[in-house]
Amino acid sequence: MLELSILGFLYDTPLHGYELRKRITALTGHVRPVAESTLYPAIKRLEKAGLLARETQPGSTAAPRHVLTLTEAGRTELRHRLAEPARGDITDENRWFTLLAFLRHLPDPPAQAAVLRRRLAFLDEPASFFYAGDRPLRAEELDDPFRQGILTIARATSEAELRWLRATLGSLDRSV
């Protein structure tokens, strides 16, 4: 998801590494803080692949800064990753939120809707954190108030997301 975040933030505007790291941390930092030792190798891989370019500009008060810009190949790669996300990008909530943060860069509403439909299908699958044999347990079936809390919070989150997905899909379908 780090590479998707880099491509997504650079899609809008050129950024230097420090500013890019701040934006990625704001998006995912509570879950996965971004260390320089992780960010800069990813930037180098993307640069080597021709997806972004680096330009040295004078710093406002200190040393020169390396400003990163997305190449046309980088824009194409971002749109490809958005249109055809891996299953984990749909099922993992943190990866899903990163994908969702940049889905607006996919210019085709039917393609956006196709991604949302994949998430909707995933959320419609029966699931739980706790099971009795093969049967998913509901919060009301548990004696443990903490596990009840997990299921209650997860249910409320899923219901809110399902409402949003259905409303957004309706809006996207009307825009075609």
N, C-alpha and C. Protein backbone atom coordinates (compact mmCIF):
# COMPACT_ATOMS: atom_id res chain seq x y z
N MET A 1 0.81 -1.18 0.00
CA MET A 1 0.00 0.00 0.00
C MET A 1 0.86 1.25 0.00
N LEU A 2 2.11 1.11 0.40
CA LEU A 2 3.00 2.27 0.41
C LEU A 2 3.17 2.82 -1.00
N GLU A 3 3.41 1.93 -1.96
CA GLU A 3 3.59 2.41 -3.33
C GLU A 3 2.31 3.06 -3.86
N LEU A 4 1.15 2.49 -3.53
CA LEU A 4 -0.11 3.10 -3.95
C LEU A 4 -0.25 4.49 -3.35
N SER A 5 0.11 4.65 -2.10
CA SER A 5 0.04 5.95 -1.45
C SER A 5 0.99 6.96 -2.11
N ILE A 6 2.19 6.52 -2.42
CA ILE A 6 3.15 7.41 -3.09
C ILE A 6 2.58 7.86 -4.43
N LEU A 7 2.13 6.91 -5.23
CA LEU A 7 1.57 7.25 -6.55
C LEU A 7 0.35 8.14 -6.41
N GLY A 8 -0.51 7.83 -5.45
CA GLY A 8 -1.74 8.59 -5.26
C GLY A 8 -1.49 10.03 -4.86
N PHE A 9 -0.60 10.24 -3.90
CA PHE A 9 -0.34 11.62 -3.47
C PHE A 9 0.39 12.42 -4.55
N LEU A 10 1.28 11.76 -5.30
CA LEU A 10 2.00 12.48 -6.35
C LEU A 10 1.13 12.72 -7.58
N TYR A 11 0.03 12.02 -7.69
CA TYR A 11 -0.88 12.22 -8.82
C TYR A 11 -1.38 13.67 -8.84
N ASP A 12 -1.63 14.22 -7.66
CA ASP A 12 -2.16 15.58 -7.55
C ASP A 12 -1.11 16.66 -7.68
N THR A 13 0.03 16.43 -7.06
CA THR A 13 1.01 17.50 -7.00
C THR A 13 2.39 16.94 -6.71
N PRO A 14 3.43 17.56 -7.26
CA PRO A 14 4.80 17.16 -6.91
C PRO A 14 5.05 17.44 -5.42
N LEU A 15 5.81 16.58 -4.78
CA LEU A 15 6.11 16.72 -3.35
C LEU A 15 7.55 16.32 -3.10
N HIS A 16 8.15 16.89 -2.07
CA HIS A 16 9.45 16.39 -1.63
C HIS A 16 9.19 15.26 -0.64
N GLY A 17 10.21 14.46 -0.39
CA GLY A 17 10.06 13.26 0.42
C GLY A 17 9.48 13.50 1.80
N TYR A 18 9.90 14.56 2.46
CA TYR A 18 9.40 14.84 3.80
C TYR A 18 7.90 15.10 3.79
N GLU A 19 7.44 15.92 2.84
CA GLU A 19 6.01 16.22 2.74
C GLU A 19 5.22 14.96 2.37
N LEU A 20 5.76 14.16 1.47
CA LEU A 20 5.12 12.91 1.08
C LEU A 20 4.99 11.99 2.30
N ARG A 21 6.04 11.89 3.08
CA ARG A 21 6.00 11.04 4.28
C ARG A 21 4.95 11.53 5.27
N LYS A 22 4.84 12.85 5.45
CA LYS A 22 3.82 13.41 6.35
C LYS A 22 2.42 13.04 5.87
N ARG A 23 2.18 13.14 4.58
CA ARG A 23 0.84 12.83 4.05
C ARG A 23 0.51 11.34 4.19
N ILE A 24 1.48 10.50 3.90
CA ILE A 24 1.25 9.05 4.03
C ILE A 24 1.01 8.70 5.49
N THR A 25 1.79 9.29 6.39
CA THR A 25 1.61 9.04 7.82
C THR A 25 0.24 9.50 8.28
N ALA A 26 -0.23 10.63 7.77
CA ALA A 26 -1.56 11.12 8.14
C ALA A 26 -2.64 10.15 7.68
N LEU A 27 -2.42 9.50 6.55
CA LEU A 27 -3.41 8.55 6.02
C LEU A 27 -3.34 7.20 6.73
N THR A 28 -2.14 6.70 6.96
CA THR A 28 -2.01 5.33 7.48
C THR A 28 -1.17 5.23 8.75
N GLY A 29 -0.64 6.32 9.23
CA GLY A 29 0.32 6.28 10.33
C GLY A 29 -0.18 5.67 11.61
N HIS A 30 -1.48 5.82 11.90
CA HIS A 30 -1.99 5.23 13.14
C HIS A 30 -1.92 3.71 13.09
N VAL A 31 -1.85 3.16 11.89
CA VAL A 31 -1.79 1.71 11.73
C VAL A 31 -0.38 1.27 11.37
N ARG A 32 0.20 1.97 10.41
CA ARG A 32 1.52 1.60 9.91
C ARG A 32 2.36 2.86 9.74
N PRO A 33 3.05 3.29 10.78
CA PRO A 33 3.90 4.48 10.62
C PRO A 33 4.92 4.25 9.51
N VAL A 34 5.22 5.30 8.78
CA VAL A 34 6.14 5.20 7.64
C VAL A 34 7.50 5.70 8.06
N ALA A 35 8.45 4.80 8.07
CA ALA A 35 9.82 5.17 8.41
C ALA A 35 10.56 5.57 7.13
N GLU A 36 11.54 6.42 7.29
CA GLU A 36 12.37 6.81 6.14
C GLU A 36 13.00 5.59 5.51
N SER A 37 13.39 4.62 6.34
CA SER A 37 14.04 3.41 5.83
C SER A 37 13.10 2.56 4.98
N THR A 38 11.81 2.82 5.04
CA THR A 38 10.83 2.13 4.21
C THR A 38 10.45 2.99 3.02
N LEU A 39 10.23 4.28 3.26
CA LEU A 39 9.76 5.18 2.21
C LEU A 39 10.77 5.36 1.09
N TYR A 40 12.01 5.68 1.43
CA TYR A 40 12.97 6.03 0.39
C TYR A 40 13.35 4.86 -0.52
N PRO A 41 13.46 3.63 -0.03
CA PRO A 41 13.65 2.52 -0.97
C PRO A 41 12.45 2.34 -1.92
N ALA A 42 11.24 2.57 -1.42
CA ALA A 42 10.06 2.47 -2.28
C ALA A 42 10.09 3.55 -3.36
N ILE A 43 10.48 4.75 -2.98
CA ILE A 43 10.61 5.85 -3.95
C ILE A 43 11.64 5.47 -5.01
N LYS A 44 12.76 4.92 -4.59
CA LYS A 44 13.81 4.52 -5.55
C LYS A 44 13.32 3.44 -6.50
N ARG A 45 12.55 2.46 -5.98
CA ARG A 45 12.00 1.42 -6.86
C ARG A 45 11.07 2.02 -7.91
N LEU A 46 10.21 2.94 -7.47
CA LEU A 46 9.27 3.57 -8.40
C LEU A 46 10.00 4.44 -9.41
N GLU A 47 11.03 5.11 -8.95
CA GLU A 47 11.84 5.94 -9.86
C GLU A 47 12.55 5.05 -10.89
N LYS A 48 13.14 3.97 -10.43
CA LYS A 48 13.84 3.04 -11.33
C LYS A 48 12.89 2.44 -12.36
N ALA A 49 11.63 2.22 -11.96
CA ALA A 49 10.62 1.67 -12.87
C ALA A 49 10.07 2.74 -13.82
N GLY A 50 10.51 3.99 -13.67
CA GLY A 50 10.05 5.06 -14.56
C GLY A 50 8.69 5.62 -14.19
N LEU A 51 8.22 5.35 -12.95
CA LEU A 51 6.89 5.80 -12.54
C LEU A 51 6.91 7.18 -11.89
N LEU A 52 8.09 7.59 -11.43
CA LEU A 52 8.21 8.95 -10.91
C LEU A 52 9.58 9.48 -11.25
N ALA A 53 9.68 10.80 -11.20
CA ALA A 53 10.94 11.48 -11.50
C ALA A 53 11.31 12.35 -10.31
N ARG A 54 12.59 12.59 -10.16
CA ARG A 54 13.12 13.38 -9.05
C ARG A 54 13.84 14.60 -9.65
N GLU A 55 13.57 15.76 -9.08
CA GLU A 55 14.22 17.00 -9.52
C GLU A 55 14.75 17.71 -8.29
N THR A 56 15.97 18.17 -8.36
CA THR A 56 16.55 18.90 -7.24
C THR A 56 16.18 20.37 -7.36
N GLN A 57 15.65 20.92 -6.28
CA GLN A 57 15.29 22.34 -6.21
C GLN A 57 15.95 22.94 -4.99
N PRO A 58 16.24 24.22 -5.05
CA PRO A 58 16.86 24.84 -3.86
C PRO A 58 15.89 24.82 -2.69
N GLY A 59 16.41 24.57 -1.50
CA GLY A 59 15.59 24.60 -0.30
C GLY A 59 15.32 26.04 0.11
N SER A 60 14.23 26.26 0.83
CA SER A 60 13.88 27.63 1.23
C SER A 60 14.84 28.18 2.28
N THR A 61 15.34 27.32 3.16
CA THR A 61 16.26 27.81 4.19
C THR A 61 17.50 26.92 4.34
N ALA A 62 17.47 25.75 3.78
CA ALA A 62 18.58 24.82 4.02
C ALA A 62 19.03 24.18 2.70
N ALA A 63 19.37 22.93 2.80
CA ALA A 63 19.91 22.17 1.68
C ALA A 63 18.88 22.03 0.56
N PRO A 64 19.35 21.72 -0.64
CA PRO A 64 18.42 21.49 -1.74
C PRO A 64 17.46 20.33 -1.42
N ARG A 65 16.28 20.41 -2.02
CA ARG A 65 15.27 19.37 -1.80
C ARG A 65 15.08 18.60 -3.09
N HIS A 66 14.76 17.33 -2.93
CA HIS A 66 14.43 16.49 -4.07
C HIS A 66 12.92 16.46 -4.19
N VAL A 67 12.41 17.03 -5.25
CA VAL A 67 10.96 17.06 -5.46
C VAL A 67 10.60 15.92 -6.40
N LEU A 68 9.58 15.17 -6.02
CA LEU A 68 9.14 14.00 -6.77
C LEU A 68 7.91 14.35 -7.59
N THR A 69 7.90 13.92 -8.84
CA THR A 69 6.73 14.11 -9.69
C THR A 69 6.37 12.77 -10.31
N LEU A 70 5.11 12.60 -10.57
CA LEU A 70 4.62 11.38 -11.21
C LEU A 70 4.79 11.51 -12.72
N THR A 71 5.31 10.47 -13.35
CA THR A 71 5.42 10.45 -14.80
C THR A 71 4.10 9.97 -15.39
N GLU A 72 3.96 10.06 -16.69
CA GLU A 72 2.74 9.54 -17.33
C GLU A 72 2.62 8.04 -17.08
N ALA A 73 3.74 7.33 -17.08
CA ALA A 73 3.71 5.90 -16.76
C ALA A 73 3.24 5.68 -15.33
N GLY A 74 3.61 6.58 -14.42
CA GLY A 74 3.15 6.49 -13.03
C GLY A 74 1.66 6.72 -12.92
N ARG A 75 1.14 7.67 -13.70
CA ARG A 75 -0.31 7.92 -13.71
C ARG A 75 -1.05 6.69 -14.23
N THR A 76 -0.52 6.10 -15.28
CA THR A 76 -1.13 4.89 -15.84
C THR A 76 -1.09 3.75 -14.83
N GLU A 77 0.03 3.59 -14.14
CA GLU A 77 0.17 2.53 -13.14
C GLU A 77 -0.80 2.73 -11.98
N LEU A 78 -0.96 3.97 -11.52
CA LEU A 78 -1.91 4.23 -10.44
C LEU A 78 -3.31 3.84 -10.88
N ARG A 79 -3.72 4.28 -12.05
CA ARG A 79 -5.07 3.94 -12.52
C ARG A 79 -5.26 2.43 -12.66
N HIS A 80 -4.22 1.73 -13.10
CA HIS A 80 -4.29 0.27 -13.20
C HIS A 80 -4.47 -0.37 -11.81
N ARG A 81 -3.69 0.08 -10.84
CA ARG A 81 -3.78 -0.47 -9.48
C ARG A 81 -5.14 -0.18 -8.86
N LEU A 82 -5.72 0.97 -9.20
CA LEU A 82 -7.05 1.31 -8.68
C LEU A 82 -8.13 0.48 -9.35
N ALA A 83 -8.02 0.27 -10.64
CA ALA A 83 -9.05 -0.46 -11.39
C ALA A 83 -9.02 -1.96 -11.12
N GLU A 84 -7.83 -2.49 -10.80
CA GLU A 84 -7.68 -3.93 -10.60
C GLU A 84 -6.97 -4.22 -9.28
N PRO A 85 -7.59 -3.84 -8.17
CA PRO A 85 -6.92 -4.08 -6.88
C PRO A 85 -6.86 -5.57 -6.54
N ALA A 86 -5.82 -5.91 -5.81
CA ALA A 86 -5.70 -7.29 -5.31
C ALA A 86 -6.81 -7.56 -4.31
N ARG A 87 -7.12 -8.83 -4.10
CA ARG A 87 -8.18 -9.19 -3.14
C ARG A 87 -7.91 -8.58 -1.77
N GLY A 88 -6.65 -8.61 -1.33
CA GLY A 88 -6.31 -8.04 -0.03
C GLY A 88 -6.59 -6.55 0.06
N ASP A 89 -6.54 -5.86 -1.07
CA ASP A 89 -6.86 -4.43 -1.08
C ASP A 89 -8.36 -4.21 -0.85
N ILE A 90 -9.14 -5.21 -1.13
CA ILE A 90 -10.59 -5.14 -0.94
C ILE A 90 -10.97 -5.62 0.46
N THR A 91 -10.29 -6.65 0.97
CA THR A 91 -10.71 -7.29 2.21
C THR A 91 -10.04 -6.72 3.46
N ASP A 92 -8.85 -6.18 3.34
CA ASP A 92 -8.15 -5.62 4.49
C ASP A 92 -8.59 -4.16 4.66
N GLU A 93 -9.15 -3.84 5.81
CA GLU A 93 -9.73 -2.51 6.00
C GLU A 93 -8.72 -1.38 5.79
N ASN A 94 -7.52 -1.54 6.29
CA ASN A 94 -6.52 -0.48 6.14
C ASN A 94 -6.08 -0.32 4.69
N ARG A 95 -5.89 -1.42 4.01
CA ARG A 95 -5.54 -1.33 2.59
C ARG A 95 -6.72 -0.77 1.79
N TRP A 96 -7.94 -1.15 2.18
CA TRP A 96 -9.14 -0.63 1.51
C TRP A 96 -9.23 0.89 1.64
N PHE A 97 -8.98 1.40 2.84
CA PHE A 97 -9.04 2.84 3.04
C PHE A 97 -8.00 3.57 2.19
N THR A 98 -6.82 2.99 2.05
CA THR A 98 -5.80 3.59 1.20
C THR A 98 -6.27 3.60 -0.26
N LEU A 99 -6.80 2.49 -0.72
CA LEU A 99 -7.35 2.42 -2.08
C LEU A 99 -8.46 3.45 -2.26
N LEU A 100 -9.34 3.52 -1.30
CA LEU A 100 -10.48 4.44 -1.36
C LEU A 100 -10.02 5.90 -1.39
N ALA A 101 -8.92 6.19 -0.71
CA ALA A 101 -8.42 7.57 -0.67
C ALA A 101 -8.03 8.09 -2.05
N PHE A 102 -7.74 7.18 -2.97
CA PHE A 102 -7.28 7.59 -4.30
C PHE A 102 -8.19 7.14 -5.43
N LEU A 103 -9.30 6.50 -5.10
CA LEU A 103 -10.19 5.96 -6.14
C LEU A 103 -10.73 7.06 -7.06
N ARG A 104 -10.77 8.29 -6.58
CA ARG A 104 -11.23 9.40 -7.42
C ARG A 104 -10.34 9.62 -8.63
N HIS A 105 -9.09 9.13 -8.57
CA HIS A 105 -8.17 9.28 -9.70
C HIS A 105 -8.48 8.31 -10.83
N LEU A 106 -9.36 7.38 -10.58
CA LEU A 106 -9.84 6.48 -11.65
C LEU A 106 -10.98 7.24 -12.33
N PRO A 107 -10.78 7.72 -13.55
CA PRO A 107 -11.72 8.68 -14.13
C PRO A 107 -13.04 8.08 -14.62
N ASP A 108 -13.16 6.79 -14.66
CA ASP A 108 -14.32 6.13 -15.23
C ASP A 108 -15.30 5.68 -14.13
N PRO A 109 -16.48 6.32 -13.99
CA PRO A 109 -17.43 5.92 -12.94
C PRO A 109 -17.79 4.43 -12.97
N PRO A 110 -17.99 3.80 -14.13
CA PRO A 110 -18.26 2.36 -14.10
C PRO A 110 -17.09 1.55 -13.51
N ALA A 111 -15.86 1.99 -13.75
CA ALA A 111 -14.71 1.29 -13.17
C ALA A 111 -14.65 1.52 -11.66
N GLN A 112 -14.96 2.74 -11.23
CA GLN A 112 -15.04 3.02 -9.79
C GLN A 112 -16.12 2.13 -9.16
N ALA A 113 -17.26 2.06 -9.81
CA ALA A 113 -18.37 1.25 -9.29
C ALA A 113 -17.99 -0.23 -9.21
N ALA A 114 -17.23 -0.71 -10.17
CA ALA A 114 -16.81 -2.12 -10.15
C ALA A 114 -15.97 -2.42 -8.91
N VAL A 115 -15.10 -1.49 -8.54
CA VAL A 115 -14.28 -1.67 -7.33
C VAL A 115 -15.17 -1.66 -6.10
N LEU A 116 -16.11 -0.72 -6.04
CA LEU A 116 -17.02 -0.66 -4.88
C LEU A 116 -17.88 -1.92 -4.80
N ARG A 117 -18.29 -2.45 -5.93
CA ARG A 117 -19.09 -3.69 -5.93
C ARG A 117 -18.30 -4.87 -5.37
N ARG A 118 -17.00 -4.90 -5.63
CA ARG A 118 -16.17 -5.96 -5.06
C ARG A 118 -16.15 -5.85 -3.53
N ARG A 119 -16.05 -4.63 -3.02
CA ARG A 119 -16.07 -4.45 -1.55
C ARG A 119 -17.44 -4.83 -1.00
N LEU A 120 -18.49 -4.43 -1.69
CA LEU A 120 -19.85 -4.76 -1.27
C LEU A 120 -20.03 -6.28 -1.20
N ALA A 121 -19.56 -6.99 -2.21
CA ALA A 121 -19.67 -8.45 -2.22
C ALA A 121 -18.91 -9.05 -1.04
N PHE A 122 -17.74 -8.51 -0.75
CA PHE A 122 -16.97 -9.00 0.39
C PHE A 122 -17.74 -8.77 1.69
N LEU A 123 -18.30 -7.58 1.88
CA LEU A 123 -19.01 -7.28 3.12
C LEU A 123 -20.29 -8.09 3.26
N ASP A 124 -20.86 -8.52 2.15
CA ASP A 124 -22.07 -9.33 2.19
C ASP A 124 -21.80 -10.79 2.57
N GLU A 125 -20.53 -11.20 2.55
CA GLU A 125 -20.18 -12.57 2.95
C GLU A 125 -20.34 -12.70 4.47
N PRO A 126 -20.93 -13.80 4.95
CA PRO A 126 -21.05 -13.97 6.40
C PRO A 126 -19.65 -14.10 7.02
N ALA A 127 -19.45 -13.36 8.09
CA ALA A 127 -18.14 -13.39 8.75
C ALA A 127 -18.29 -13.00 10.20
N SER A 128 -17.32 -13.40 10.98
CA SER A 128 -17.27 -13.05 12.39
C SER A 128 -15.83 -13.18 12.85
N PHE A 129 -15.55 -12.64 13.99
CA PHE A 129 -14.24 -12.85 14.60
C PHE A 129 -14.24 -14.12 15.43
N PHE A 130 -15.46 -14.59 15.79
CA PHE A 130 -15.60 -15.73 16.68
C PHE A 130 -16.63 -16.70 16.11
N TYR A 131 -16.36 -17.99 16.30
CA TYR A 131 -17.20 -19.03 15.71
C TYR A 131 -17.54 -20.11 16.73
N ALA A 132 -18.69 -20.75 16.51
CA ALA A 132 -19.06 -21.97 17.21
C ALA A 132 -19.04 -23.04 16.12
N GLY A 133 -17.95 -23.80 16.08
CA GLY A 133 -17.77 -24.72 14.96
C GLY A 133 -17.56 -23.89 13.70
N ASP A 134 -18.40 -24.11 12.69
CA ASP A 134 -18.31 -23.34 11.45
C ASP A 134 -19.27 -22.15 11.42
N ARG A 135 -20.08 -22.01 12.46
CA ARG A 135 -21.11 -20.96 12.49
C ARG A 135 -20.58 -19.69 13.12
N PRO A 136 -20.68 -18.55 12.38
CA PRO A 136 -20.25 -17.28 12.98
C PRO A 136 -21.14 -16.90 14.16
N LEU A 137 -20.54 -16.40 15.21
CA LEU A 137 -21.29 -15.98 16.38
C LEU A 137 -21.65 -14.50 16.28
N ARG A 138 -22.82 -14.16 16.84
CA ARG A 138 -23.25 -12.76 16.94
C ARG A 138 -22.91 -12.26 18.34
N ALA A 139 -22.86 -10.96 18.49
CA ALA A 139 -22.52 -10.37 19.79
C ALA A 139 -23.45 -10.85 20.89
N GLU A 140 -24.74 -10.98 20.58
CA GLU A 140 -25.74 -11.38 21.57
C GLU A 140 -25.50 -12.79 22.10
N GLU A 141 -24.72 -13.58 21.39
CA GLU A 141 -24.49 -14.97 21.80
C GLU A 141 -23.27 -15.12 22.71
N LEU A 142 -22.57 -14.05 22.97
CA LEU A 142 -21.35 -14.13 23.75
C LEU A 142 -21.57 -13.63 25.18
N ASP A 143 -20.89 -14.26 26.14
CA ASP A 143 -20.92 -13.83 27.53
C ASP A 143 -19.84 -12.79 27.82
N ASP A 144 -18.81 -12.76 27.02
CA ASP A 144 -17.66 -11.88 27.23
C ASP A 144 -17.99 -10.48 26.71
N PRO A 145 -18.05 -9.48 27.61
CA PRO A 145 -18.42 -8.13 27.16
C PRO A 145 -17.41 -7.51 26.20
N PHE A 146 -16.16 -7.93 26.26
CA PHE A 146 -15.14 -7.37 25.39
C PHE A 146 -15.27 -7.92 23.97
N ARG A 147 -15.54 -9.20 23.88
CA ARG A 147 -15.80 -9.77 22.56
C ARG A 147 -17.12 -9.26 22.00
N GLN A 148 -18.10 -9.05 22.87
CA GLN A 148 -19.35 -8.43 22.43
C GLN A 148 -19.05 -7.05 21.84
N GLY A 149 -18.17 -6.32 22.50
CA GLY A 149 -17.79 -5.00 22.01
C GLY A 149 -17.17 -5.05 20.63
N ILE A 150 -16.28 -6.00 20.43
CA ILE A 150 -15.64 -6.15 19.11
C ILE A 150 -16.71 -6.37 18.05
N LEU A 151 -17.63 -7.30 18.29
CA LEU A 151 -18.65 -7.62 17.30
C LEU A 151 -19.66 -6.47 17.12
N THR A 152 -19.99 -5.79 18.20
CA THR A 152 -20.93 -4.67 18.12
C THR A 152 -20.33 -3.53 17.29
N ILE A 153 -19.09 -3.21 17.55
CA ILE A 153 -18.40 -2.15 16.81
C ILE A 153 -18.24 -2.55 15.35
N ALA A 154 -17.83 -3.78 15.11
CA ALA A 154 -17.65 -4.25 13.72
C ALA A 154 -18.97 -4.22 12.96
N ARG A 155 -20.06 -4.62 13.61
CA ARG A 155 -21.37 -4.60 12.95
C ARG A 155 -21.77 -3.18 12.58
N ALA A 156 -21.62 -2.26 13.53
CA ALA A 156 -21.99 -0.86 13.27
C ALA A 156 -21.15 -0.27 12.13
N THR A 157 -19.86 -0.57 12.13
CA THR A 157 -18.98 -0.09 11.07
C THR A 157 -19.39 -0.66 9.73
N SER A 158 -19.65 -1.97 9.69
CA SER A 158 -20.07 -2.61 8.44
C SER A 158 -21.39 -2.05 7.94
N GLU A 159 -22.34 -1.85 8.83
CA GLU A 159 -23.63 -1.31 8.41
C GLU A 159 -23.48 0.10 7.85
N ALA A 160 -22.65 0.92 8.47
CA ALA A 160 -22.42 2.28 7.95
C ALA A 160 -21.75 2.22 6.59
N GLU A 161 -20.76 1.35 6.45
CA GLU A 161 -20.07 1.23 5.16
C GLU A 161 -21.01 0.71 4.09
N LEU A 162 -21.85 -0.26 4.42
CA LEU A 162 -22.81 -0.79 3.44
C LEU A 162 -23.76 0.30 2.96
N ARG A 163 -24.25 1.13 3.89
CA ARG A 163 -25.12 2.25 3.48
C ARG A 163 -24.39 3.19 2.53
N TRP A 164 -23.15 3.52 2.89
CA TRP A 164 -22.36 4.42 2.05
C TRP A 164 -22.09 3.81 0.68
N LEU A 165 -21.70 2.53 0.66
CA LEU A 165 -21.43 1.86 -0.61
C LEU A 165 -22.65 1.87 -1.52
N ARG A 166 -23.80 1.50 -0.97
CA ARG A 166 -25.02 1.45 -1.78
C ARG A 166 -25.41 2.83 -2.30
N ALA A 167 -25.30 3.85 -1.47
CA ALA A 167 -25.63 5.21 -1.89
C ALA A 167 -24.65 5.69 -2.97
N THR A 168 -23.37 5.43 -2.78
CA THR A 168 -22.37 5.86 -3.74
C THR A 168 -22.51 5.11 -5.06
N LEU A 169 -22.79 3.82 -4.97
CA LEU A 169 -23.02 3.05 -6.21
C LEU A 169 -24.24 3.61 -6.96
N GLY A 170 -25.29 3.95 -6.24
CA GLY A 170 -26.45 4.54 -6.88
C GLY A 170 -26.09 5.84 -7.57
N SER A 171 -25.28 6.66 -6.93
CA SER A 171 -24.84 7.92 -7.51
C SER A 171 -23.97 7.69 -8.75
N LEU A 172 -23.05 6.74 -8.66
CA LEU A 172 -22.19 6.45 -9.81
C LEU A 172 -22.99 5.89 -10.98
N ASP A 173 -23.97 5.04 -10.68
CA ASP A 173 -24.80 4.45 -11.74
C ASP A 173 -25.62 5.53 -12.44
N ARG A 174 -26.07 6.54 -11.69
CA ARG A 174 -26.86 7.63 -12.30
C ARG A 174 -25.99 8.56 -13.13
N SER A 175 -24.67 8.60 -12.84
CA SER A 175 -23.79 9.52 -13.54
C SER A 175 -23.40 9.01 -14.93
N VAL A 176 -23.70 7.75 -15.21
CA VAL A 176 -23.31 7.15 -16.49
C VAL A 176 -24.31 7.50 -17.58
